[in-house]
Structure formats: structure tokens, C-alpha cells
Amino acid sequence: MKIVGATKDHWSQVSGQAGQARDWLVFDCPPGAPLPEPRRVALTREPLPHHCQDTARTRCRASRS
């Protein structure tokens, strides 16, 4: 089983906005084994469901394709 969590602040906190998160922790959990160390995955802007604009006051909005 895989467990995936969206994070913020360079993997230090759980993100409340999964659609805007770039940093993810992926746990690949074999049955009956202790929880392994997570794999860190950093997404680029393209696969994110929400489009983020880089401005002095960053505002994210749902992309309209």
C-alpha cells in the first residue's frame, strides 16, 4: 500500500491545500512491516491542479483550460 501526503515548507508540515502542494511524501508500505522512511517528491508547476502566479503576493486560483 502507498500512503501519500501533501506537505509545505520543504516537507516539514502537512499542507492544507493538496491541489496547490508541490512537495509530497510517499510511503511505500509492505504489509506487516514497520513504516518506512518516505520518498520525497517535488512536483513542477505543470502537474498541479491549481495554477499559481508568482507575484509579490502569490495568489493561487483554479486553472481554466
PDB file of N, CA and C in Angstrom:
ATOM      1  N   MET A   1       0.845  -1.157   0.000  1.00  0.00           N
ATOM      2  CA  MET A   1       0.000   0.000   0.000  1.00  0.00           C
ATOM      3  C   MET A   1       0.899   1.230   0.000  1.00  0.00           C
ATOM      4  N   LYS A   2       0.457   2.263  -0.705  1.00  0.00           N
ATOM      5  CA  LYS A   2       1.171   3.538  -0.708  1.00  0.00           C
ATOM      6  C   LYS A   2       0.336   4.564   0.053  1.00  0.00           C
ATOM      7  N   ILE A   3       1.015   5.345   0.856  1.00  0.00           N
ATOM      8  CA  ILE A   3       0.395   6.459   1.570  1.00  0.00           C
ATOM      9  C   ILE A   3       1.091   7.715   1.083  1.00  0.00           C
ATOM     10  N   VAL A   4       0.308   8.714   0.688  1.00  0.00           N
ATOM     11  CA  VAL A   4       0.865   9.944   0.127  1.00  0.00           C
ATOM     12  C   VAL A   4       0.333  11.130   0.920  1.00  0.00           C
ATOM     13  N   GLY A   5       1.217  12.061   1.254  1.00  0.00           N
ATOM     14  CA  GLY A   5       0.806  13.248   1.982  1.00  0.00           C
ATOM     15  C   GLY A   5       1.367  14.508   1.353  1.00  0.00           C
ATOM     16  N   ALA A   6       0.511  15.497   1.185  1.00  0.00           N
ATOM     17  CA  ALA A   6       0.947  16.802   0.668  1.00  0.00           C
ATOM     18  C   ALA A   6       1.600  17.570   1.811  1.00  0.00           C
ATOM     19  N   THR A   7       2.722  18.232   1.506  1.00  0.00           N
ATOM     20  CA  THR A   7       3.431  18.975   2.543  1.00  0.00           C
ATOM     21  C   THR A   7       3.723  20.402   2.081  1.00  0.00           C
ATOM     22  N   LYS A   8       4.148  21.211   3.015  1.00  0.00           N
ATOM     23  CA  LYS A   8       4.576  22.574   2.705  1.00  0.00           C
ATOM     24  C   LYS A   8       5.822  22.877   3.514  1.00  0.00           C
ATOM     25  N   ASP A   9       6.450  23.979   3.250  1.00  0.00           N
ATOM     26  CA  ASP A   9       7.671  24.406   3.941  1.00  0.00           C
ATOM     27  C   ASP A   9       8.755  23.338   3.876  1.00  0.00           C
ATOM     28  N   HIS A  10       9.025  22.863   2.652  1.00  0.00           N
ATOM     29  CA  HIS A  10      10.097  21.892   2.406  1.00  0.00           C
ATOM     30  C   HIS A  10       9.911  20.619   3.224  1.00  0.00           C
ATOM     31  N   TRP A  11       8.748  20.035   3.132  1.00  0.00           N
ATOM     32  CA  TRP A  11       8.402  18.747   3.725  1.00  0.00           C
ATOM     33  C   TRP A  11       8.317  18.781   5.251  1.00  0.00           C
ATOM     34  N   SER A  12       8.197  19.940   5.871  1.00  0.00           N
ATOM     35  CA  SER A  12       8.192  19.993   7.336  1.00  0.00           C
ATOM     36  C   SER A  12       6.795  20.030   7.947  1.00  0.00           C
ATOM     37  N   GLN A  13       5.760  20.384   7.164  1.00  0.00           N
ATOM     38  CA  GLN A  13       4.398  20.477   7.689  1.00  0.00           C
ATOM     39  C   GLN A  13       3.422  19.891   6.681  1.00  0.00           C
ATOM     40  N   VAL A  14       2.320  19.358   7.200  1.00  0.00           N
ATOM     41  CA  VAL A  14       1.263  18.859   6.315  1.00  0.00           C
ATOM     42  C   VAL A  14       0.560  20.053   5.691  1.00  0.00           C
ATOM     43  N   SER A  15       0.294  19.965   4.396  1.00  0.00           N
ATOM     44  CA  SER A  15      -0.356  21.060   3.679  1.00  0.00           C
ATOM     45  C   SER A  15      -1.868  20.931   3.760  1.00  0.00           C
ATOM     46  N   GLY A  16      -2.540  22.033   3.944  1.00  0.00           N
ATOM     47  CA  GLY A  16      -3.999  22.044   3.938  1.00  0.00           C
ATOM     48  C   GLY A  16      -4.563  22.182   2.531  1.00  0.00           C
ATOM     49  N   GLN A  17      -3.710  22.462   1.558  1.00  0.00           N
ATOM     50  CA  GLN A  17      -4.145  22.679   0.178  1.00  0.00           C
ATOM     51  C   GLN A  17      -3.445  21.675  -0.739  1.00  0.00           C
ATOM     52  N   ALA A  18      -3.955  20.471  -0.837  1.00  0.00           N
ATOM     53  CA  ALA A  18      -3.311  19.437  -1.651  1.00  0.00           C
ATOM     54  C   ALA A  18      -3.235  19.836  -3.118  1.00  0.00           C
ATOM     55  N   GLY A  19      -4.220  20.555  -3.621  1.00  0.00           N
ATOM     56  CA  GLY A  19      -4.223  20.959  -5.023  1.00  0.00           C
ATOM     57  C   GLY A  19      -3.157  21.975  -5.375  1.00  0.00           C
ATOM     58  N   GLN A  20      -2.581  22.610  -4.358  1.00  0.00           N
ATOM     59  CA  GLN A  20      -1.546  23.613  -4.585  1.00  0.00           C
ATOM     60  C   GLN A  20      -0.173  23.151  -4.103  1.00  0.00           C
ATOM     61  N   ALA A  21      -0.096  21.961  -3.513  1.00  0.00           N
ATOM     62  CA  ALA A  21       1.156  21.484  -2.922  1.00  0.00           C
ATOM     63  C   ALA A  21       2.127  20.997  -3.997  1.00  0.00           C
ATOM     64  N   ARG A  22       3.358  21.392  -3.870  1.00  0.00           N
ATOM     65  CA  ARG A  22       4.405  20.926  -4.773  1.00  0.00           C
ATOM     66  C   ARG A  22       5.222  19.810  -4.143  1.00  0.00           C
ATOM     67  N   ASP A  23       5.313  19.797  -2.815  1.00  0.00           N
ATOM     68  CA  ASP A  23       6.141  18.820  -2.112  1.00  0.00           C
ATOM     69  C   ASP A  23       5.270  17.736  -1.488  1.00  0.00           C
ATOM     70  N   TRP A  24       5.612  16.483  -1.765  1.00  0.00           N
ATOM     71  CA  TRP A  24       4.822  15.337  -1.307  1.00  0.00           C
ATOM     72  C   TRP A  24       5.732  14.306  -0.671  1.00  0.00           C
ATOM     73  N   LEU A  25       5.203  13.596   0.343  1.00  0.00           N
ATOM     74  CA  LEU A  25       5.887  12.455   0.928  1.00  0.00           C
ATOM     75  C   LEU A  25       5.137  11.205   0.500  1.00  0.00           C
ATOM     76  N   VAL A  26       5.874  10.204   0.025  1.00  0.00           N
ATOM     77  CA  VAL A  26       5.281   8.947  -0.427  1.00  0.00           C
ATOM     78  C   VAL A  26       5.859   7.825   0.427  1.00  0.00           C
ATOM     79  N   PHE A  27       4.988   7.085   1.102  1.00  0.00           N
ATOM     80  CA  PHE A  27       5.382   5.938   1.905  1.00  0.00           C
ATOM     81  C   PHE A  27       4.958   4.684   1.149  1.00  0.00           C
ATOM     82  N   ASP A  28       5.888   3.781   0.863  1.00  0.00           N
ATOM     83  CA  ASP A  28       5.580   2.502   0.227  1.00  0.00           C
ATOM     84  C   ASP A  28       5.584   1.461   1.344  1.00  0.00           C
ATOM     85  N   CYS A  29       4.388   1.059   1.782  1.00  0.00           N
ATOM     86  CA  CYS A  29       4.231   0.251   2.991  1.00  0.00           C
ATOM     87  C   CYS A  29       3.954  -1.215   2.679  1.00  0.00           C
ATOM     88  N   PRO A  30       4.939  -2.095   2.875  1.00  0.00           N
ATOM     89  CA  PRO A  30       4.672  -3.522   2.722  1.00  0.00           C
ATOM     90  C   PRO A  30       3.810  -4.020   3.884  1.00  0.00           C
ATOM     91  N   PRO A  31       2.905  -4.979   3.653  1.00  0.00           N
ATOM     92  CA  PRO A  31       2.046  -5.495   4.730  1.00  0.00           C
ATOM     93  C   PRO A  31       2.866  -6.067   5.888  1.00  0.00           C
ATOM     94  N   GLY A  32       2.506  -5.698   7.101  1.00  0.00           N
ATOM     95  CA  GLY A  32       3.132  -6.232   8.296  1.00  0.00           C
ATOM     96  C   GLY A  32       4.493  -5.662   8.636  1.00  0.00           C
ATOM     97  N   ALA A  33       4.994  -4.736   7.857  1.00  0.00           N
ATOM     98  CA  ALA A  33       6.321  -4.145   8.101  1.00  0.00           C
ATOM     99  C   ALA A  33       6.173  -2.796   8.794  1.00  0.00           C
ATOM    100  N   PRO A  34       7.207  -2.366   9.510  1.00  0.00           N
ATOM    101  CA  PRO A  34       7.164  -1.022  10.109  1.00  0.00           C
ATOM    102  C   PRO A  34       7.087   0.053   9.026  1.00  0.00           C
ATOM    103  N   LEU A  35       6.622   1.221   9.413  1.00  0.00           N
ATOM    104  CA  LEU A  35       6.505   2.340   8.478  1.00  0.00           C
ATOM    105  C   LEU A  35       7.887   2.722   7.958  1.00  0.00           C
ATOM    106  N   PRO A  36       8.092   2.691   6.631  1.00  0.00           N
ATOM    107  CA  PRO A  36       9.411   3.024   6.073  1.00  0.00           C
ATOM    108  C   PRO A  36       9.621   4.530   6.015  1.00  0.00           C
ATOM    109  N   GLU A  37      10.856   4.920   5.747  1.00  0.00           N
ATOM    110  CA  GLU A  37      11.158   6.335   5.511  1.00  0.00           C
ATOM    111  C   GLU A  37      10.441   6.758   4.230  1.00  0.00           C
ATOM    112  N   PRO A  38       9.913   7.973   4.196  1.00  0.00           N
ATOM    113  CA  PRO A  38       9.202   8.411   2.990  1.00  0.00           C
ATOM    114  C   PRO A  38      10.156   8.788   1.868  1.00  0.00           C
ATOM    115  N   ARG A  39       9.635   8.714   0.663  1.00  0.00           N
ATOM    116  CA  ARG A  39      10.334   9.220  -0.515  1.00  0.00           C
ATOM    117  C   ARG A  39       9.799  10.630  -0.751  1.00  0.00           C
ATOM    118  N   ARG A  40      10.662  11.586  -0.997  1.00  0.00           N
ATOM    119  CA  ARG A  40      10.246  12.968  -1.247  1.00  0.00           C
ATOM    120  C   ARG A  40      10.046  13.167  -2.741  1.00  0.00           C
ATOM    121  N   VAL A  41       8.897  13.752  -3.086  1.00  0.00           N
ATOM    122  CA  VAL A  41       8.579  14.040  -4.481  1.00  0.00           C
ATOM    123  C   VAL A  41       8.269  15.527  -4.585  1.00  0.00           C
ATOM    124  N   ALA A  42       8.995  16.224  -5.445  1.00  0.00           N
ATOM    125  CA  ALA A  42       8.768  17.647  -5.680  1.00  0.00           C
ATOM    126  C   ALA A  42       8.204  17.799  -7.093  1.00  0.00           C
ATOM    127  N   LEU A  43       6.979  18.276  -7.184  1.00  0.00           N
ATOM    128  CA  LEU A  43       6.335  18.473  -8.482  1.00  0.00           C
ATOM    129  C   LEU A  43       6.726  19.819  -9.077  1.00  0.00           C
ATOM    130  N   THR A  44       6.709  19.877 -10.384  1.00  0.00           N
ATOM    131  CA  THR A  44       6.859  21.158 -11.061  1.00  0.00           C
ATOM    132  C   THR A  44       5.469  21.782 -11.159  1.00  0.00           C
ATOM    133  N   ARG A  45       5.386  22.932 -11.701  1.00  0.00           N
ATOM    134  CA  ARG A  45       4.121  23.647 -11.802  1.00  0.00           C
ATOM    135  C   ARG A  45       3.109  22.947 -12.717  1.00  0.00           C
ATOM    136  N   GLU A  46       3.571  22.268 -13.769  1.00  0.00           N
ATOM    137  CA  GLU A  46       2.682  21.707 -14.782  1.00  0.00           C
ATOM    138  C   GLU A  46       1.661  20.690 -14.248  1.00  0.00           C
ATOM    139  N   PRO A  47       2.043  19.712 -13.385  1.00  0.00           N
ATOM    140  CA  PRO A  47       1.052  18.728 -12.963  1.00  0.00           C
ATOM    141  C   PRO A  47       0.119  19.186 -11.842  1.00  0.00           C
ATOM    142  N   LEU A  48       0.271  20.415 -11.370  1.00  0.00           N
ATOM    143  CA  LEU A  48      -0.574  20.881 -10.268  1.00  0.00           C
ATOM    144  C   LEU A  48      -1.973  21.218 -10.761  1.00  0.00           C
ATOM    145  N   PRO A  49      -3.008  20.791 -10.008  1.00  0.00           N
ATOM    146  CA  PRO A  49      -4.384  21.105 -10.411  1.00  0.00           C
ATOM    147  C   PRO A  49      -4.714  22.598 -10.377  1.00  0.00           C
ATOM    148  N   HIS A  50      -4.007  23.354  -9.548  1.00  0.00           N
ATOM    149  CA  HIS A  50      -4.252  24.795  -9.448  1.00  0.00           C
ATOM    150  C   HIS A  50      -3.064  25.541 -10.039  1.00  0.00           C
ATOM    151  N   HIS A  51      -3.343  26.601 -10.728  1.00  0.00           N
ATOM    152  CA  HIS A  51      -2.289  27.420 -11.331  1.00  0.00           C
ATOM    153  C   HIS A  51      -1.860  28.471 -10.326  1.00  0.00           C
ATOM    154  N   CYS A  52      -0.571  28.582 -10.087  1.00  0.00           N
ATOM    155  CA  CYS A  52      -0.049  29.586  -9.152  1.00  0.00           C
ATOM    156  C   CYS A  52       0.666  30.678  -9.926  1.00  0.00           C
ATOM    157  N   GLN A  53       0.394  31.918  -9.564  1.00  0.00           N
ATOM    158  CA  GLN A  53       1.067  33.045 -10.175  1.00  0.00           C
ATOM    159  C   GLN A  53       2.166  33.501  -9.222  1.00  0.00           C
ATOM    160  N   ASP A  54       3.377  33.687  -9.735  1.00  0.00           N
ATOM    161  CA  ASP A  54       4.477  34.163  -8.901  1.00  0.00           C
ATOM    162  C   ASP A  54       4.469  35.690  -8.913  1.00  0.00           C
ATOM    163  N   THR A  55       3.973  36.268  -7.850  1.00  0.00           N
ATOM    164  CA  THR A  55       3.963  37.722  -7.693  1.00  0.00           C
ATOM    165  C   THR A  55       4.392  38.031  -6.270  1.00  0.00           C
ATOM    166  N   ALA A  56       4.504  39.295  -5.951  1.00  0.00           N
ATOM    167  CA  ALA A  56       4.858  39.665  -4.586  1.00  0.00           C
ATOM    168  C   ALA A  56       3.835  39.109  -3.606  1.00  0.00           C
ATOM    169  N   ARG A  57       2.588  39.088  -4.003  1.00  0.00           N
ATOM    170  CA  ARG A  57       1.519  38.486  -3.194  1.00  0.00           C
ATOM    171  C   ARG A  57       0.973  37.323  -4.004  1.00  0.00           C
ATOM    172  N   THR A  58       1.569  36.144  -3.817  1.00  0.00           N
ATOM    173  CA  THR A  58       1.175  34.975  -4.593  1.00  0.00           C
ATOM    174  C   THR A  58      -0.276  34.617  -4.294  1.00  0.00           C
ATOM    175  N   ARG A  59      -1.039  34.465  -5.373  1.00  0.00           N
ATOM    176  CA  ARG A  59      -2.431  34.035  -5.244  1.00  0.00           C
ATOM    177  C   ARG A  59      -2.620  32.852  -6.167  1.00  0.00           C
ATOM    178  N   CYS A  60      -3.207  31.804  -5.642  1.00  0.00           N
ATOM    179  CA  CYS A  60      -3.476  30.619  -6.460  1.00  0.00           C
ATOM    180  C   CYS A  60      -4.963  30.604  -6.814  1.00  0.00           C
ATOM    181  N   ARG A  61      -5.230  30.168  -8.018  1.00  0.00           N
ATOM    182  CA  ARG A  61      -6.612  30.062  -8.453  1.00  0.00           C
ATOM    183  C   ARG A  61      -6.724  28.810  -9.306  1.00  0.00           C
ATOM    184  N   ALA A  62      -7.903  28.282  -9.405  1.00  0.00           N
ATOM    185  CA  ALA A  62      -8.105  27.109 -10.251  1.00  0.00           C
ATOM    186  C   ALA A  62      -7.789  27.510 -11.689  1.00  0.00           C
ATOM    187  N   SER A  63      -7.043  26.651 -12.376  1.00  0.00           N
ATOM    188  CA  SER A  63      -6.711  26.972 -13.767  1.00  0.00           C
ATOM    189  C   SER A  63      -7.917  26.763 -14.641  1.00  0.00           C
ATOM    190  N   ARG A  64      -8.025  27.549 -15.655  1.00  0.00           N
ATOM    191  CA  ARG A  64      -9.137  27.453 -16.598  1.00  0.00           C
ATOM    192  C   ARG A  64      -8.570  27.105 -17.953  1.00  0.00           C
ATOM    193  N   SER A  65      -8.614  25.843 -18.271  1.00  0.00           N
ATOM    194  CA  SER A  65      -8.047  25.375 -19.542  1.00  0.00           C
ATOM    195  C   SER A  65      -9.101  25.299 -20.605  1.00  0.00           C
TER     196      SER A  65
END
